Amino acid sequence: MKSKLRGAPTAQDVAKLAGIHRDLQSLMVGMNPGAACHAPLFAAIATVQACGAEWSGNPSIWREVHSIQTGGAYKG
Protein backbone atom coordinates (compact mmCIF):
# COMPACT_ATOMS: atom_id res chain seq x y z
CA MET A 1 0.00 0.00 0.00
CA LYS A 2 1.48 3.29 -1.10
CA SER A 3 0.28 6.44 0.56
CA LYS A 4 1.66 9.95 0.68
CA LEU A 5 0.17 12.69 2.77
CA ARG A 6 0.27 16.09 1.16
CA GLY A 7 -0.95 18.45 3.81
CA ALA A 8 -3.90 17.59 6.01
CA PRO A 9 -5.15 13.99 6.01
CA THR A 10 -8.35 13.44 4.06
CA ALA A 11 -11.40 11.32 4.84
CA GLN A 12 -9.91 8.70 2.51
CA ASP A 13 -6.72 8.65 4.58
CA VAL A 14 -8.76 8.17 7.76
CA ALA A 15 -10.68 5.35 6.05
CA LYS A 16 -7.39 3.62 5.14
CA LEU A 17 -6.24 4.00 8.71
CA ALA A 18 -9.55 2.51 9.90
CA GLY A 19 -8.83 -0.58 7.77
CA ILE A 20 -5.39 -0.91 9.33
CA HIS A 21 -6.96 -0.56 12.77
CA ARG A 22 -9.44 -3.38 12.00
CA ASP A 23 -6.65 -5.61 10.66
CA LEU A 24 -4.55 -5.11 13.78
CA GLN A 25 -7.53 -5.82 16.02
CA SER A 26 -8.29 -9.02 14.11
CA LEU A 27 -4.78 -10.23 14.96
CA MET A 28 -5.61 -9.80 18.65
CA VAL A 29 -8.69 -12.04 18.58
CA GLY A 30 -8.03 -15.07 20.73
CA MET A 31 -4.50 -14.02 21.57
CA ASN A 32 -3.29 -14.83 25.06
CA PRO A 33 -2.45 -11.57 26.89
CA GLY A 34 0.69 -13.27 28.17
CA ALA A 35 2.00 -13.94 24.67
CA ALA A 36 5.23 -12.16 23.77
CA CYS A 37 3.63 -10.40 20.79
CA HIS A 38 0.61 -9.11 22.72
CA ALA A 39 2.18 -5.95 24.19
CA PRO A 40 3.74 -4.65 20.94
CA LEU A 41 0.56 -5.36 18.99
CA PHE A 42 -1.53 -3.62 21.65
CA ALA A 43 0.84 -0.63 21.44
CA ALA A 44 0.49 -0.56 17.65
CA ILE A 45 -3.32 -0.53 17.94
CA ALA A 46 -3.16 2.30 20.48
CA THR A 47 -0.83 4.27 18.20
CA VAL A 48 -3.09 3.85 15.17
CA GLN A 49 -6.10 4.81 17.28
CA ALA A 50 -4.33 7.97 18.53
CA CYS A 51 -3.40 8.84 14.96
CA GLY A 52 -7.02 8.38 13.86
CA ALA A 53 -8.20 10.62 16.68
CA GLU A 54 -5.69 13.30 15.68
CA TRP A 55 -6.45 13.08 11.97
CA SER A 56 -10.23 13.03 12.34
CA GLY A 57 -10.55 15.44 15.25
CA ASN A 58 -12.75 12.82 16.97
CA PRO A 59 -11.11 11.73 20.24
CA SER A 60 -13.32 8.65 20.52
CA ILE A 61 -12.89 7.36 16.97
CA TRP A 62 -13.13 3.56 16.73
CA ARG A 63 -14.00 3.25 20.40
CA GLU A 64 -17.24 1.57 21.25
CA VAL A 65 -18.90 1.91 24.57
CA HIS A 66 -21.07 -1.02 25.46
CA SER A 67 -23.51 -0.66 28.27
CA ILE A 68 -26.12 -2.92 29.67
CA GLN A 69 -29.16 -1.04 30.71
CA THR A 70 -31.23 -2.72 33.32
CA GLY A 71 -34.59 -1.92 34.74
CA GLY A 72 -35.44 -2.23 38.35
CA ALA A 73 -35.26 -5.49 40.22
CA TYR A 74 -37.71 -8.15 39.13
CA LYS A 75 -40.83 -8.05 41.29
CA GLY A 76 -42.51 -11.21 40.06
C-alpha atoms as a PDB file:
ATOM      1  CA  MET A   1       0.000   0.000   0.000  1.00  0.00           C
ATOM      2  CA  LYS A   2       1.483   3.289  -1.099  1.00  0.00           C
ATOM      3  CA  SER A   3       0.283   6.436   0.565  1.00  0.00           C
ATOM      4  CA  LYS A   4       1.655   9.945   0.684  1.00  0.00           C
ATOM      5  CA  LEU A   5       0.172  12.689   2.766  1.00  0.00           C
ATOM      6  CA  ARG A   6       0.272  16.086   1.155  1.00  0.00           C
ATOM      7  CA  GLY A   7      -0.951  18.447   3.811  1.00  0.00           C
ATOM      8  CA  ALA A   8      -3.900  17.593   6.007  1.00  0.00           C
ATOM      9  CA  PRO A   9      -5.153  13.992   6.014  1.00  0.00           C
ATOM     10  CA  THR A  10      -8.352  13.441   4.055  1.00  0.00           C
ATOM     11  CA  ALA A  11     -11.402  11.320   4.841  1.00  0.00           C
ATOM     12  CA  GLN A  12      -9.913   8.697   2.506  1.00  0.00           C
ATOM     13  CA  ASP A  13      -6.722   8.654   4.584  1.00  0.00           C
ATOM     14  CA  VAL A  14      -8.757   8.166   7.763  1.00  0.00           C
ATOM     15  CA  ALA A  15     -10.680   5.350   6.048  1.00  0.00           C
ATOM     16  CA  LYS A  16      -7.394   3.616   5.135  1.00  0.00           C
ATOM     17  CA  LEU A  17      -6.240   3.996   8.713  1.00  0.00           C
ATOM     18  CA  ALA A  18      -9.546   2.506   9.897  1.00  0.00           C
ATOM     19  CA  GLY A  19      -8.827  -0.579   7.773  1.00  0.00           C
ATOM     20  CA  ILE A  20      -5.392  -0.908   9.327  1.00  0.00           C
ATOM     21  CA  HIS A  21      -6.960  -0.563  12.767  1.00  0.00           C
ATOM     22  CA  ARG A  22      -9.435  -3.377  11.999  1.00  0.00           C
ATOM     23  CA  ASP A  23      -6.654  -5.608  10.657  1.00  0.00           C
ATOM     24  CA  LEU A  24      -4.548  -5.111  13.783  1.00  0.00           C
ATOM     25  CA  GLN A  25      -7.525  -5.821  16.015  1.00  0.00           C
ATOM     26  CA  SER A  26      -8.288  -9.016  14.111  1.00  0.00           C
ATOM     27  CA  LEU A  27      -4.784 -10.234  14.960  1.00  0.00           C
ATOM     28  CA  MET A  28      -5.615  -9.802  18.652  1.00  0.00           C
ATOM     29  CA  VAL A  29      -8.686 -12.035  18.581  1.00  0.00           C
ATOM     30  CA  GLY A  30      -8.034 -15.075  20.729  1.00  0.00           C
ATOM     31  CA  MET A  31      -4.496 -14.020  21.573  1.00  0.00           C
ATOM     32  CA  ASN A  32      -3.290 -14.830  25.060  1.00  0.00           C
ATOM     33  CA  PRO A  33      -2.452 -11.571  26.889  1.00  0.00           C
ATOM     34  CA  GLY A  34       0.692 -13.272  28.174  1.00  0.00           C
ATOM     35  CA  ALA A  35       2.003 -13.938  24.669  1.00  0.00           C
ATOM     36  CA  ALA A  36       5.230 -12.159  23.770  1.00  0.00           C
ATOM     37  CA  CYS A  37       3.633 -10.402  20.794  1.00  0.00           C
ATOM     38  CA  HIS A  38       0.609  -9.114  22.716  1.00  0.00           C
ATOM     39  CA  ALA A  39       2.176  -5.946  24.190  1.00  0.00           C
ATOM     40  CA  PRO A  40       3.744  -4.651  20.939  1.00  0.00           C
ATOM     41  CA  LEU A  41       0.560  -5.358  18.994  1.00  0.00           C
ATOM     42  CA  PHE A  42      -1.528  -3.625  21.654  1.00  0.00           C
ATOM     43  CA  ALA A  43       0.837  -0.629  21.444  1.00  0.00           C
ATOM     44  CA  ALA A  44       0.486  -0.556  17.645  1.00  0.00           C
ATOM     45  CA  ILE A  45      -3.315  -0.530  17.938  1.00  0.00           C
ATOM     46  CA  ALA A  46      -3.161   2.295  20.481  1.00  0.00           C
ATOM     47  CA  THR A  47      -0.834   4.274  18.201  1.00  0.00           C
ATOM     48  CA  VAL A  48      -3.091   3.854  15.168  1.00  0.00           C
ATOM     49  CA  GLN A  49      -6.102   4.815  17.283  1.00  0.00           C
ATOM     50  CA  ALA A  50      -4.332   7.965  18.533  1.00  0.00           C
ATOM     51  CA  CYS A  51      -3.396   8.839  14.958  1.00  0.00           C
ATOM     52  CA  GLY A  52      -7.016   8.382  13.862  1.00  0.00           C
ATOM     53  CA  ALA A  53      -8.204  10.625  16.678  1.00  0.00           C
ATOM     54  CA  GLU A  54      -5.688  13.299  15.683  1.00  0.00           C
ATOM     55  CA  TRP A  55      -6.451  13.083  11.972  1.00  0.00           C
ATOM     56  CA  SER A  56     -10.227  13.033  12.344  1.00  0.00           C
ATOM     57  CA  GLY A  57     -10.555  15.437  15.249  1.00  0.00           C
ATOM     58  CA  ASN A  58     -12.749  12.824  16.966  1.00  0.00           C
ATOM     59  CA  PRO A  59     -11.114  11.730  20.244  1.00  0.00           C
ATOM     60  CA  SER A  60     -13.319   8.652  20.520  1.00  0.00           C
ATOM     61  CA  ILE A  61     -12.894   7.361  16.970  1.00  0.00           C
ATOM     62  CA  TRP A  62     -13.128   3.560  16.725  1.00  0.00           C
ATOM     63  CA  ARG A  63     -14.003   3.254  20.395  1.00  0.00           C
ATOM     64  CA  GLU A  64     -17.242   1.573  21.249  1.00  0.00           C
ATOM     65  CA  VAL A  65     -18.903   1.911  24.572  1.00  0.00           C
ATOM     66  CA  HIS A  66     -21.074  -1.019  25.456  1.00  0.00           C
ATOM     67  CA  SER A  67     -23.505  -0.662  28.271  1.00  0.00           C
ATOM     68  CA  ILE A  68     -26.121  -2.920  29.673  1.00  0.00           C
ATOM     69  CA  GLN A  69     -29.159  -1.041  30.713  1.00  0.00           C
ATOM     70  CA  THR A  70     -31.234  -2.717  33.323  1.00  0.00           C
ATOM     71  CA  GLY A  71     -34.589  -1.916  34.738  1.00  0.00           C
ATOM     72  CA  GLY A  72     -35.437  -2.231  38.350  1.00  0.00           C
ATOM     73  CA  ALA A  73     -35.260  -5.486  40.225  1.00  0.00           C
ATOM     74  CA  TYR A  74     -37.710  -8.152  39.133  1.00  0.00           C
ATOM     75  CA  LYS A  75     -40.827  -8.046  41.287  1.00  0.00           C
ATOM     76  CA  GLY A  76     -42.507 -11.209  40.056  1.00  0.00           C
END
